[in-house]
């Protein structure tokens, strides 16, 4: 994730494993920081923001301004960002030729 929205939550449960938690992350339009809410996902960091894991999302409602993820087993630092790993690449053409192998 190159950047996220201008909000994050630090969630520290007393028992932080096998939670099977549901996180509903609410945001304001003004906090989007250039992120596209239509492709935003929940990111989590367990090392104070040094690296981020894409947790994806289970549901979203851009009218009510939330993204939700179910089945989370542990909670740490949470934010939202665009899911750049699933961006479509259009207009590419691949050409291949058989290369003669030396005898």
PDB file of N, CA and C in Angstrom:
ATOM      1  N   UNK A   1       0.860  -1.172   0.000  1.00  0.00           N
ATOM      2  CA  UNK A   1       0.000   0.000   0.000  1.00  0.00           C
ATOM      3  C   UNK A   1       0.902   1.229   0.000  1.00  0.00           C
ATOM      4  N   UNK A   2       0.725   2.099  -0.971  1.00  0.00           N
ATOM      5  CA  UNK A   2       1.549   3.303  -1.038  1.00  0.00           C
ATOM      6  C   UNK A   2       1.016   4.407  -0.138  1.00  0.00           C
ATOM      7  N   UNK A   3      -0.286   4.494   0.029  1.00  0.00           N
ATOM      8  CA  UNK A   3      -0.874   5.469   0.951  1.00  0.00           C
ATOM      9  C   UNK A   3      -2.274   5.004   1.316  1.00  0.00           C
ATOM     10  N   UNK A   4      -2.785   5.551   2.391  1.00  0.00           N
ATOM     11  CA  UNK A   4      -4.122   5.192   2.843  1.00  0.00           C
ATOM     12  C   UNK A   4      -4.942   6.430   3.106  1.00  0.00           C
ATOM     13  N   UNK A   5      -6.098   6.226   3.700  1.00  0.00           N
ATOM     14  CA  UNK A   5      -6.932   7.372   4.034  1.00  0.00           C
ATOM     15  C   UNK A   5      -6.357   8.063   5.268  1.00  0.00           C
ATOM     16  N   UNK A   6      -6.925   9.190   5.636  1.00  0.00           N
ATOM     17  CA  UNK A   6      -6.423   9.966   6.759  1.00  0.00           C
ATOM     18  C   UNK A   6      -7.106   9.566   8.064  1.00  0.00           C
ATOM     19  N   UNK A   7      -7.231   8.269   8.292  1.00  0.00           N
ATOM     20  CA  UNK A   7      -7.776   7.753   9.548  1.00  0.00           C
ATOM     21  C   UNK A   7      -7.232   6.350   9.730  1.00  0.00           C
ATOM     22  N   UNK A   8      -6.963   6.006  10.963  1.00  0.00           N
ATOM     23  CA  UNK A   8      -6.611   4.630  11.281  1.00  0.00           C
ATOM     24  C   UNK A   8      -7.113   4.327  12.677  1.00  0.00           C
ATOM     25  N   UNK A   9      -7.232   3.060  12.962  1.00  0.00           N
ATOM     26  CA  UNK A   9      -7.635   2.604  14.292  1.00  0.00           C
ATOM     27  C   UNK A   9      -6.584   1.633  14.803  1.00  0.00           C
ATOM     28  N   UNK A  10      -6.277   1.734  16.068  1.00  0.00           N
ATOM     29  CA  UNK A  10      -5.432   0.749  16.724  1.00  0.00           C
ATOM     30  C   UNK A  10      -6.327  -0.043  17.664  1.00  0.00           C
ATOM     31  N   UNK A  11      -6.514  -1.318  17.361  1.00  0.00           N
ATOM     32  CA  UNK A  11      -7.419  -2.158  18.139  1.00  0.00           C
ATOM     33  C   UNK A  11      -6.595  -3.239  18.819  1.00  0.00           C
ATOM     34  N   UNK A  12      -6.677  -3.304  20.142  1.00  0.00           N
ATOM     35  CA  UNK A  12      -5.896  -4.265  20.912  1.00  0.00           C
ATOM     36  C   UNK A  12      -6.807  -5.072  21.821  1.00  0.00           C
ATOM     37  N   UNK A  13      -7.314  -6.204  21.335  1.00  0.00           N
ATOM     38  CA  UNK A  13      -8.156  -7.048  22.177  1.00  0.00           C
ATOM     39  C   UNK A  13      -7.332  -7.750  23.261  1.00  0.00           C
ATOM     40  N   UNK A  14      -7.970  -8.104  24.364  1.00  0.00           N
ATOM     41  CA  UNK A  14      -7.267  -8.822  25.430  1.00  0.00           C
ATOM     42  C   UNK A  14      -6.801 -10.192  24.937  1.00  0.00           C
ATOM     43  N   UNK A  15      -7.650 -10.891  24.216  1.00  0.00           N
ATOM     44  CA  UNK A  15      -7.297 -12.153  23.580  1.00  0.00           C
ATOM     45  C   UNK A  15      -7.231 -11.873  22.088  1.00  0.00           C
ATOM     46  N   UNK A  16      -6.048 -11.910  21.495  1.00  0.00           N
ATOM     47  CA  UNK A  16      -5.897 -11.471  20.110  1.00  0.00           C
ATOM     48  C   UNK A  16      -5.524 -12.615  19.169  1.00  0.00           C
ATOM     49  N   UNK A  17      -6.197 -13.741  19.286  1.00  0.00           N
ATOM     50  CA  UNK A  17      -6.009 -14.805  18.301  1.00  0.00           C
ATOM     51  C   UNK A  17      -7.302 -15.592  18.159  1.00  0.00           C
ATOM     52  N   UNK A  18      -7.503 -16.131  16.979  1.00  0.00           N
ATOM     53  CA  UNK A  18      -8.730 -16.845  16.590  1.00  0.00           C
ATOM     54  C   UNK A  18      -9.994 -16.078  16.979  1.00  0.00           C
ATOM     55  N   UNK A  19     -10.015 -14.784  16.686  1.00  0.00           N
ATOM     56  CA  UNK A  19     -11.148 -13.924  17.054  1.00  0.00           C
ATOM     57  C   UNK A  19     -12.382 -14.172  16.192  1.00  0.00           C
ATOM     58  N   UNK A  20     -12.188 -14.428  14.904  1.00  0.00           N
ATOM     59  CA  UNK A  20     -13.296 -14.499  13.953  1.00  0.00           C
ATOM     60  C   UNK A  20     -14.138 -13.219  14.037  1.00  0.00           C
ATOM     61  N   UNK A  21     -13.444 -12.070  14.060  1.00  0.00           N
ATOM     62  CA  UNK A  21     -14.072 -10.769  14.258  1.00  0.00           C
ATOM     63  C   UNK A  21     -14.628 -10.190  12.963  1.00  0.00           C
ATOM     64  N   UNK A  22     -15.583  -9.293  13.112  1.00  0.00           N
ATOM     65  CA  UNK A  22     -16.108  -8.491  12.016  1.00  0.00           C
ATOM     66  C   UNK A  22     -15.719  -7.040  12.297  1.00  0.00           C
ATOM     67  N   UNK A  23     -15.039  -6.410  11.341  1.00  0.00           N
ATOM     68  CA  UNK A  23     -14.637  -5.015  11.475  1.00  0.00           C
ATOM     69  C   UNK A  23     -15.391  -4.193  10.445  1.00  0.00           C
ATOM     70  N   UNK A  24     -16.142  -3.210  10.900  1.00  0.00           N
ATOM     71  CA  UNK A  24     -16.793  -2.255  10.005  1.00  0.00           C
ATOM     72  C   UNK A  24     -16.056  -0.940  10.172  1.00  0.00           C
ATOM     73  N   UNK A  25     -15.353  -0.540   9.130  1.00  0.00           N
ATOM     74  CA  UNK A  25     -14.528   0.663   9.154  1.00  0.00           C
ATOM     75  C   UNK A  25     -15.317   1.787   8.501  1.00  0.00           C
ATOM     76  N   UNK A  26     -15.737   2.776   9.295  1.00  0.00           N
ATOM     77  CA  UNK A  26     -16.467   3.942   8.782  1.00  0.00           C
ATOM     78  C   UNK A  26     -15.480   5.068   8.510  1.00  0.00           C
ATOM     79  N   UNK A  27     -15.782   5.861   7.501  1.00  0.00           N
ATOM     80  CA  UNK A  27     -14.904   6.961   7.111  1.00  0.00           C
ATOM     81  C   UNK A  27     -15.742   8.131   6.618  1.00  0.00           C
ATOM     82  N   UNK A  28     -15.115   9.313   6.550  1.00  0.00           N
ATOM     83  CA  UNK A  28     -15.718  10.502   5.967  1.00  0.00           C
ATOM     84  C   UNK A  28     -15.122  10.718   4.572  1.00  0.00           C
ATOM     85  N   UNK A  29     -15.897  11.261   3.668  1.00  0.00           N
ATOM     86  CA  UNK A  29     -15.412  11.550   2.312  1.00  0.00           C
ATOM     87  C   UNK A  29     -14.138  12.396   2.350  1.00  0.00           C
ATOM     88  N   UNK A  30     -14.078  13.370   3.262  1.00  0.00           N
ATOM     89  CA  UNK A  30     -12.930  14.274   3.361  1.00  0.00           C
ATOM     90  C   UNK A  30     -11.651  13.559   3.783  1.00  0.00           C
ATOM     91  N   UNK A  31     -11.757  12.330   4.304  1.00  0.00           N
ATOM     92  CA  UNK A  31     -10.584  11.575   4.764  1.00  0.00           C
ATOM     93  C   UNK A  31      -9.985  10.673   3.685  1.00  0.00           C
ATOM     94  N   UNK A  32     -10.595  10.594   2.525  1.00  0.00           N
ATOM     95  CA  UNK A  32     -10.181   9.611   1.517  1.00  0.00           C
ATOM     96  C   UNK A  32      -8.761   9.820   0.987  1.00  0.00           C
ATOM     97  N   UNK A  33      -8.218  11.022   1.076  1.00  0.00           N
ATOM     98  CA  UNK A  33      -6.818  11.262   0.731  1.00  0.00           C
ATOM     99  C   UNK A  33      -6.481  10.778  -0.685  1.00  0.00           C
ATOM    100  N   UNK A  34      -7.410  10.974  -1.620  1.00  0.00           N
ATOM    101  CA  UNK A  34      -7.185  10.569  -3.002  1.00  0.00           C
ATOM    102  C   UNK A  34      -7.484   9.101  -3.280  1.00  0.00           C
ATOM    103  N   UNK A  35      -7.906   8.351  -2.273  1.00  0.00           N
ATOM    104  CA  UNK A  35      -8.220   6.929  -2.454  1.00  0.00           C
ATOM    105  C   UNK A  35      -9.610   6.787  -3.068  1.00  0.00           C
ATOM    106  N   UNK A  36      -9.790   5.814  -3.922  1.00  0.00           N
ATOM    107  CA  UNK A  36     -11.068   5.538  -4.565  1.00  0.00           C
ATOM    108  C   UNK A  36     -11.860   4.598  -3.667  1.00  0.00           C
ATOM    109  N   UNK A  37     -12.946   5.082  -3.081  1.00  0.00           N
ATOM    110  CA  UNK A  37     -13.713   4.270  -2.137  1.00  0.00           C
ATOM    111  C   UNK A  37     -14.345   3.041  -2.783  1.00  0.00           C
ATOM    112  N   UNK A  38     -14.486   3.055  -4.113  1.00  0.00           N
ATOM    113  CA  UNK A  38     -15.077   1.917  -4.808  1.00  0.00           C
ATOM    114  C   UNK A  38     -14.154   0.697  -4.864  1.00  0.00           C
ATOM    115  N   UNK A  39     -12.855   0.906  -4.692  1.00  0.00           N
ATOM    116  CA  UNK A  39     -11.911  -0.217  -4.701  1.00  0.00           C
ATOM    117  C   UNK A  39     -11.080  -0.278  -3.422  1.00  0.00           C
ATOM    118  N   UNK A  40     -11.449   0.513  -2.423  1.00  0.00           N
ATOM    119  CA  UNK A  40     -10.695   0.514  -1.167  1.00  0.00           C
ATOM    120  C   UNK A  40     -10.933  -0.785  -0.396  1.00  0.00           C
ATOM    121  N   UNK A  41      -9.911  -1.198   0.325  1.00  0.00           N
ATOM    122  CA  UNK A  41      -9.967  -2.398   1.157  1.00  0.00           C
ATOM    123  C   UNK A  41      -9.365  -2.066   2.519  1.00  0.00           C
ATOM    124  N   UNK A  42      -9.533  -2.971   3.450  1.00  0.00           N
ATOM    125  CA  UNK A  42      -8.963  -2.807   4.788  1.00  0.00           C
ATOM    126  C   UNK A  42      -7.538  -3.345   4.781  1.00  0.00           C
ATOM    127  N   UNK A  43      -6.624  -2.546   5.319  1.00  0.00           N
ATOM    128  CA  UNK A  43      -5.238  -2.959   5.503  1.00  0.00           C
ATOM    129  C   UNK A  43      -4.959  -3.032   6.993  1.00  0.00           C
ATOM    130  N   UNK A  44      -4.063  -3.959   7.359  1.00  0.00           N
ATOM    131  CA  UNK A  44      -3.706  -4.144   8.766  1.00  0.00           C
ATOM    132  C   UNK A  44      -2.192  -4.204   8.911  1.00  0.00           C
ATOM    133  N   UNK A  45      -1.694  -3.589   9.977  1.00  0.00           N
ATOM    134  CA  UNK A  45      -0.265  -3.632  10.280  1.00  0.00           C
ATOM    135  C   UNK A  45      -0.076  -4.140  11.699  1.00  0.00           C
ATOM    136  N   UNK A  46       0.748  -5.156  11.857  1.00  0.00           N
ATOM    137  CA  UNK A  46       1.060  -5.628  13.208  1.00  0.00           C
ATOM    138  C   UNK A  46       2.440  -5.167  13.654  1.00  0.00           C
ATOM    139  N   UNK A  47       3.049  -4.239  12.876  1.00  0.00           N
ATOM    140  CA  UNK A  47       4.356  -3.699  13.241  1.00  0.00           C
ATOM    141  C   UNK A  47       4.356  -2.160  13.200  1.00  0.00           C
ATOM    142  N   UNK A  48       3.289  -1.567  13.711  1.00  0.00           N
ATOM    143  CA  UNK A  48       3.150  -0.106  13.831  1.00  0.00           C
ATOM    144  C   UNK A  48       3.299   0.644  12.514  1.00  0.00           C
ATOM    145  N   UNK A  49       2.817   0.060  11.436  1.00  0.00           N
ATOM    146  CA  UNK A  49       2.791   0.748  10.157  1.00  0.00           C
ATOM    147  C   UNK A  49       4.011   0.564   9.286  1.00  0.00           C
ATOM    148  N   UNK A  50       4.975  -0.248   9.710  1.00  0.00           N
ATOM    149  CA  UNK A  50       6.157  -0.485   8.879  1.00  0.00           C
ATOM    150  C   UNK A  50       5.786  -1.285   7.629  1.00  0.00           C
ATOM    151  N   UNK A  51       4.845  -2.198   7.746  1.00  0.00           N
ATOM    152  CA  UNK A  51       4.347  -2.952   6.597  1.00  0.00           C
ATOM    153  C   UNK A  51       2.848  -3.172   6.782  1.00  0.00           C
ATOM    154  N   UNK A  52       2.149  -3.351   5.675  1.00  0.00           N
ATOM    155  CA  UNK A  52       0.687  -3.473   5.699  1.00  0.00           C
ATOM    156  C   UNK A  52       0.252  -4.723   4.946  1.00  0.00           C
ATOM    157  N   UNK A  53      -0.705  -5.439   5.506  1.00  0.00           N
ATOM    158  CA  UNK A  53      -1.285  -6.621   4.857  1.00  0.00           C
ATOM    159  C   UNK A  53      -2.681  -6.273   4.360  1.00  0.00           C
ATOM    160  N   UNK A  54      -2.969  -6.643   3.137  1.00  0.00           N
ATOM    161  CA  UNK A  54      -4.277  -6.409   2.537  1.00  0.00           C
ATOM    162  C   UNK A  54      -5.246  -7.462   3.063  1.00  0.00           C
ATOM    163  N   UNK A  55      -6.234  -7.037   3.842  1.00  0.00           N
ATOM    164  CA  UNK A  55      -7.250  -7.954   4.355  1.00  0.00           C
ATOM    165  C   UNK A  55      -8.439  -8.069   3.413  1.00  0.00           C
ATOM    166  N   UNK A  56      -8.434  -7.287   2.344  1.00  0.00           N
ATOM    167  CA  UNK A  56      -9.530  -7.245   1.387  1.00  0.00           C
ATOM    168  C   UNK A  56     -10.782  -6.657   2.050  1.00  0.00           C
ATOM    169  N   UNK A  57     -11.959  -7.110   1.655  1.00  0.00           N
ATOM    170  CA  UNK A  57     -13.212  -6.643   2.252  1.00  0.00           C
ATOM    171  C   UNK A  57     -14.279  -7.693   1.998  1.00  0.00           C
ATOM    172  N   UNK A  58     -15.264  -7.745   2.870  1.00  0.00           N
ATOM    173  CA  UNK A  58     -16.404  -8.650   2.685  1.00  0.00           C
ATOM    174  C   UNK A  58     -17.587  -7.913   2.089  1.00  0.00           C
ATOM    175  N   UNK A  59     -17.717  -6.635   2.465  1.00  0.00           N
ATOM    176  CA  UNK A  59     -18.785  -5.806   1.912  1.00  0.00           C
ATOM    177  C   UNK A  59     -18.391  -4.345   2.032  1.00  0.00           C
ATOM    178  N   UNK A  60     -19.066  -3.511   1.253  1.00  0.00           N
ATOM    179  CA  UNK A  60     -18.826  -2.063   1.310  1.00  0.00           C
ATOM    180  C   UNK A  60     -20.131  -1.355   0.994  1.00  0.00           C
ATOM    181  N   UNK A  61     -20.260  -0.142   1.504  1.00  0.00           N
ATOM    182  CA  UNK A  61     -21.395   0.704   1.182  1.00  0.00           C
ATOM    183  C   UNK A  61     -20.852   2.118   1.042  1.00  0.00           C
ATOM    184  N   UNK A  62     -20.681   2.569  -0.199  1.00  0.00           N
ATOM    185  CA  UNK A  62     -20.101   3.889  -0.431  1.00  0.00           C
ATOM    186  C   UNK A  62     -21.080   5.010  -0.111  1.00  0.00           C
ATOM    187  N   UNK A  63     -22.380   4.722  -0.052  1.00  0.00           N
ATOM    188  CA  UNK A  63     -23.351   5.737   0.360  1.00  0.00           C
ATOM    189  C   UNK A  63     -23.307   5.951   1.873  1.00  0.00           C
ATOM    190  N   UNK A  64     -23.157   4.875   2.631  1.00  0.00           N
ATOM    191  CA  UNK A  64     -23.071   4.967   4.090  1.00  0.00           C
ATOM    192  C   UNK A  64     -21.623   5.108   4.571  1.00  0.00           C
ATOM    193  N   UNK A  65     -20.664   5.106   3.639  1.00  0.00           N
ATOM    194  CA  UNK A  65     -19.238   5.287   3.920  1.00  0.00           C
ATOM    195  C   UNK A  65     -18.677   4.275   4.913  1.00  0.00           C
ATOM    196  N   UNK A  66     -18.775   3.001   4.553  1.00  0.00           N
ATOM    197  CA  UNK A  66     -18.080   1.991   5.357  1.00  0.00           C
ATOM    198  C   UNK A  66     -17.619   0.842   4.477  1.00  0.00           C
ATOM    199  N   UNK A  67     -16.583   0.177   4.976  1.00  0.00           N
ATOM    200  CA  UNK A  67     -16.076  -1.061   4.398  1.00  0.00           C
ATOM    201  C   UNK A  67     -15.999  -2.055   5.537  1.00  0.00           C
ATOM    202  N   UNK A  68     -16.442  -3.278   5.275  1.00  0.00           N
ATOM    203  CA  UNK A  68     -16.525  -4.284   6.325  1.00  0.00           C
ATOM    204  C   UNK A  68     -15.748  -5.529   5.916  1.00  0.00           C
ATOM    205  N   UNK A  69     -15.114  -6.151   6.901  1.00  0.00           N
ATOM    206  CA  UNK A  69     -14.402  -7.411   6.688  1.00  0.00           C
ATOM    207  C   UNK A  69     -14.777  -8.367   7.812  1.00  0.00           C
ATOM    208  N   UNK A  70     -15.175  -9.571   7.457  1.00  0.00           N
ATOM    209  CA  UNK A  70     -15.504 -10.581   8.463  1.00  0.00           C
ATOM    210  C   UNK A  70     -14.418 -11.647   8.486  1.00  0.00           C
ATOM    211  N   UNK A  71     -14.396 -12.427   9.558  1.00  0.00           N
ATOM    212  CA  UNK A  71     -13.445 -13.528   9.679  1.00  0.00           C
ATOM    213  C   UNK A  71     -12.024 -13.104  10.004  1.00  0.00           C
ATOM    214  N   UNK A  72     -11.840 -11.969  10.653  1.00  0.00           N
ATOM    215  CA  UNK A  72     -10.499 -11.506  11.026  1.00  0.00           C
ATOM    216  C   UNK A  72     -10.078 -12.236  12.302  1.00  0.00           C
ATOM    217  N   UNK A  73      -8.904 -12.871  12.264  1.00  0.00           N
ATOM    218  CA  UNK A  73      -8.458 -13.668  13.406  1.00  0.00           C
ATOM    219  C   UNK A  73      -7.679 -12.883  14.452  1.00  0.00           C
ATOM    220  N   UNK A  74      -7.091 -11.745  14.068  1.00  0.00           N
ATOM    221  CA  UNK A  74      -6.380 -10.894  15.022  1.00  0.00           C
ATOM    222  C   UNK A  74      -6.507  -9.448  14.559  1.00  0.00           C
ATOM    223  N   UNK A  75      -6.453  -8.527  15.501  1.00  0.00           N
ATOM    224  CA  UNK A  75      -6.617  -7.100  15.197  1.00  0.00           C
ATOM    225  C   UNK A  75      -5.411  -6.314  15.694  1.00  0.00           C
ATOM    226  N   UNK A  76      -4.983  -5.353  14.896  1.00  0.00           N
ATOM    227  CA  UNK A  76      -3.856  -4.499  15.241  1.00  0.00           C
ATOM    228  C   UNK A  76      -4.179  -3.074  14.788  1.00  0.00           C
ATOM    229  N   UNK A  77      -3.328  -2.502  13.954  1.00  0.00           N
ATOM    230  CA  UNK A  77      -3.521  -1.171  13.383  1.00  0.00           C
ATOM    231  C   UNK A  77      -4.260  -1.345  12.056  1.00  0.00           C
ATOM    232  N   UNK A  78      -5.386  -0.623  11.873  1.00  0.00           N
ATOM    233  CA  UNK A  78      -6.234  -0.771  10.684  1.00  0.00           C
ATOM    234  C   UNK A  78      -6.364   0.563   9.962  1.00  0.00           C
ATOM    235  N   UNK A  79      -6.365   0.515   8.634  1.00  0.00           N
ATOM    236  CA  UNK A  79      -6.680   1.677   7.809  1.00  0.00           C
ATOM    237  C   UNK A  79      -7.304   1.191   6.506  1.00  0.00           C
ATOM    238  N   UNK A  80      -7.641   2.115   5.643  1.00  0.00           N
ATOM    239  CA  UNK A  80      -8.188   1.788   4.324  1.00  0.00           C
ATOM    240  C   UNK A  80      -7.248   2.304   3.253  1.00  0.00           C
ATOM    241  N   UNK A  81      -7.174   1.602   2.148  1.00  0.00           N
ATOM    242  CA  UNK A  81      -6.385   2.038   1.003  1.00  0.00           C
ATOM    243  C   UNK A  81      -6.897   1.344  -0.239  1.00  0.00           C
ATOM    244  N   UNK A  82      -6.446   1.801  -1.387  1.00  0.00           N
ATOM    245  CA  UNK A  82      -6.876   1.187  -2.637  1.00  0.00           C
ATOM    246  C   UNK A  82      -6.179  -0.145  -2.851  1.00  0.00           C
ATOM    247  N   UNK A  83      -6.936  -1.077  -3.356  1.00  0.00           N
ATOM    248  CA  UNK A  83      -6.434  -2.407  -3.652  1.00  0.00           C
ATOM    249  C   UNK A  83      -5.785  -2.373  -5.022  1.00  0.00           C
ATOM    250  N   UNK A  84      -4.503  -2.032  -5.067  1.00  0.00           N
ATOM    251  CA  UNK A  84      -3.812  -1.914  -6.347  1.00  0.00           C
ATOM    252  C   UNK A  84      -3.424  -3.264  -6.918  1.00  0.00           C
ATOM    253  N   UNK A  85      -3.481  -4.322  -6.121  1.00  0.00           N
ATOM    254  CA  UNK A  85      -3.070  -5.631  -6.609  1.00  0.00           C
ATOM    255  C   UNK A  85      -4.080  -6.224  -7.583  1.00  0.00           C
ATOM    256  N   UNK A  86      -5.312  -5.699  -7.596  1.00  0.00           N
ATOM    257  CA  UNK A  86      -6.313  -6.251  -8.497  1.00  0.00           C
ATOM    258  C   UNK A  86      -6.651  -5.309  -9.646  1.00  0.00           C
ATOM    259  N   UNK A  87      -5.808  -4.328  -9.895  1.00  0.00           N
ATOM    260  CA  UNK A  87      -6.072  -3.402 -10.989  1.00  0.00           C
ATOM    261  C   UNK A  87      -5.959  -4.110 -12.326  1.00  0.00           C
ATOM    262  N   UNK A  88      -6.880  -3.823 -13.204  1.00  0.00           N
ATOM    263  CA  UNK A  88      -6.880  -4.440 -14.525  1.00  0.00           C
ATOM    264  C   UNK A  88      -5.849  -3.773 -15.420  1.00  0.00           C
ATOM    265  N   UNK A  89      -5.229  -4.558 -16.240  1.00  0.00           N
ATOM    266  CA  UNK A  89      -4.300  -4.038 -17.230  1.00  0.00           C
ATOM    267  C   UNK A  89      -4.954  -4.257 -18.589  1.00  0.00           C
ATOM    268  N   UNK A  90      -5.182  -3.158 -19.314  1.00  0.00           N
ATOM    269  CA  UNK A  90      -5.874  -3.227 -20.596  1.00  0.00           C
ATOM    270  C   UNK A  90      -4.925  -2.854 -21.722  1.00  0.00           C
ATOM    271  N   UNK A  91      -5.173  -3.411 -22.882  1.00  0.00           N
ATOM    272  CA  UNK A  91      -4.437  -3.006 -24.069  1.00  0.00           C
ATOM    273  C   UNK A  91      -3.115  -3.726 -24.282  1.00  0.00           C
ATOM    274  N   UNK A  92      -2.817  -4.766 -23.514  1.00  0.00           N
ATOM    275  CA  UNK A  92      -1.575  -5.500 -23.711  1.00  0.00           C
ATOM    276  C   UNK A  92      -1.779  -6.604 -24.740  1.00  0.00           C
ATOM    277  N   UNK A  93      -0.793  -6.769 -25.605  1.00  0.00           N
ATOM    278  CA  UNK A  93      -0.806  -7.850 -26.580  1.00  0.00           C
ATOM    279  C   UNK A  93       0.510  -8.603 -26.423  1.00  0.00           C
ATOM    280  N   UNK A  94       0.409  -9.907 -26.288  1.00  0.00           N
ATOM    281  CA  UNK A  94       1.606 -10.733 -26.170  1.00  0.00           C
ATOM    282  C   UNK A  94       1.788 -11.521 -27.458  1.00  0.00           C
ATOM    283  N   UNK A  95       2.995 -11.465 -28.005  1.00  0.00           N
ATOM    284  CA  UNK A  95       3.332 -12.246 -29.189  1.00  0.00           C
ATOM    285  C   UNK A  95       4.432 -13.224 -28.802  1.00  0.00           C
ATOM    286  N   UNK A  96       4.342 -14.432 -29.301  1.00  0.00           N
ATOM    287  CA  UNK A  96       5.340 -15.449 -28.991  1.00  0.00           C
ATOM    288  C   UNK A  96       5.796 -16.128 -30.274  1.00  0.00           C
ATOM    289  N   UNK A  97       7.076 -16.483 -30.284  1.00  0.00           N
ATOM    290  CA  UNK A  97       7.629 -17.246 -31.401  1.00  0.00           C
ATOM    291  C   UNK A  97       8.367 -18.428 -30.821  1.00  0.00           C
ATOM    292  N   UNK A  98       8.308 -19.535 -31.539  1.00  0.00           N
ATOM    293  CA  UNK A  98       9.064 -20.703 -31.115  1.00  0.00           C
ATOM    294  C   UNK A  98      10.526 -20.466 -31.451  1.00  0.00           C
ATOM    295  N   UNK A  99      11.354 -20.679 -30.468  1.00  0.00           N
ATOM    296  CA  UNK A  99      12.785 -20.500 -30.675  1.00  0.00           C
ATOM    297  C   UNK A  99      13.388 -21.859 -31.001  1.00  0.00           C
ATOM    298  N   UNK A 100      14.140 -21.925 -32.091  1.00  0.00           N
ATOM    299  CA  UNK A 100      14.787 -23.184 -32.480  1.00  0.00           C
ATOM    300  C   UNK A 100      15.836 -23.538 -31.443  1.00  0.00           C
ATOM    301  N   UNK A 101      15.774 -24.747 -30.970  1.00  0.00           N
ATOM    302  CA  UNK A 101      16.741 -25.226 -30.002  1.00  0.00           C
ATOM    303  C   UNK A 101      17.979 -25.736 -30.744  1.00  0.00           C
ATOM    304  N   UNK A 102      19.174 -25.439 -30.260  1.00  0.00           N
ATOM    305  CA  UNK A 102      20.390 -25.954 -30.908  1.00  0.00           C
ATOM    306  C   UNK A 102      20.467 -27.476 -30.782  1.00  0.00           C
ATOM    307  N   UNK A 103      21.010 -28.120 -31.839  1.00  0.00           N
ATOM    308  CA  UNK A 103      21.137 -29.590 -31.842  1.00  0.00           C
ATOM    309  C   UNK A 103      22.467 -30.020 -31.420  1.00  0.00           C
TER     310      UNK A 103
END
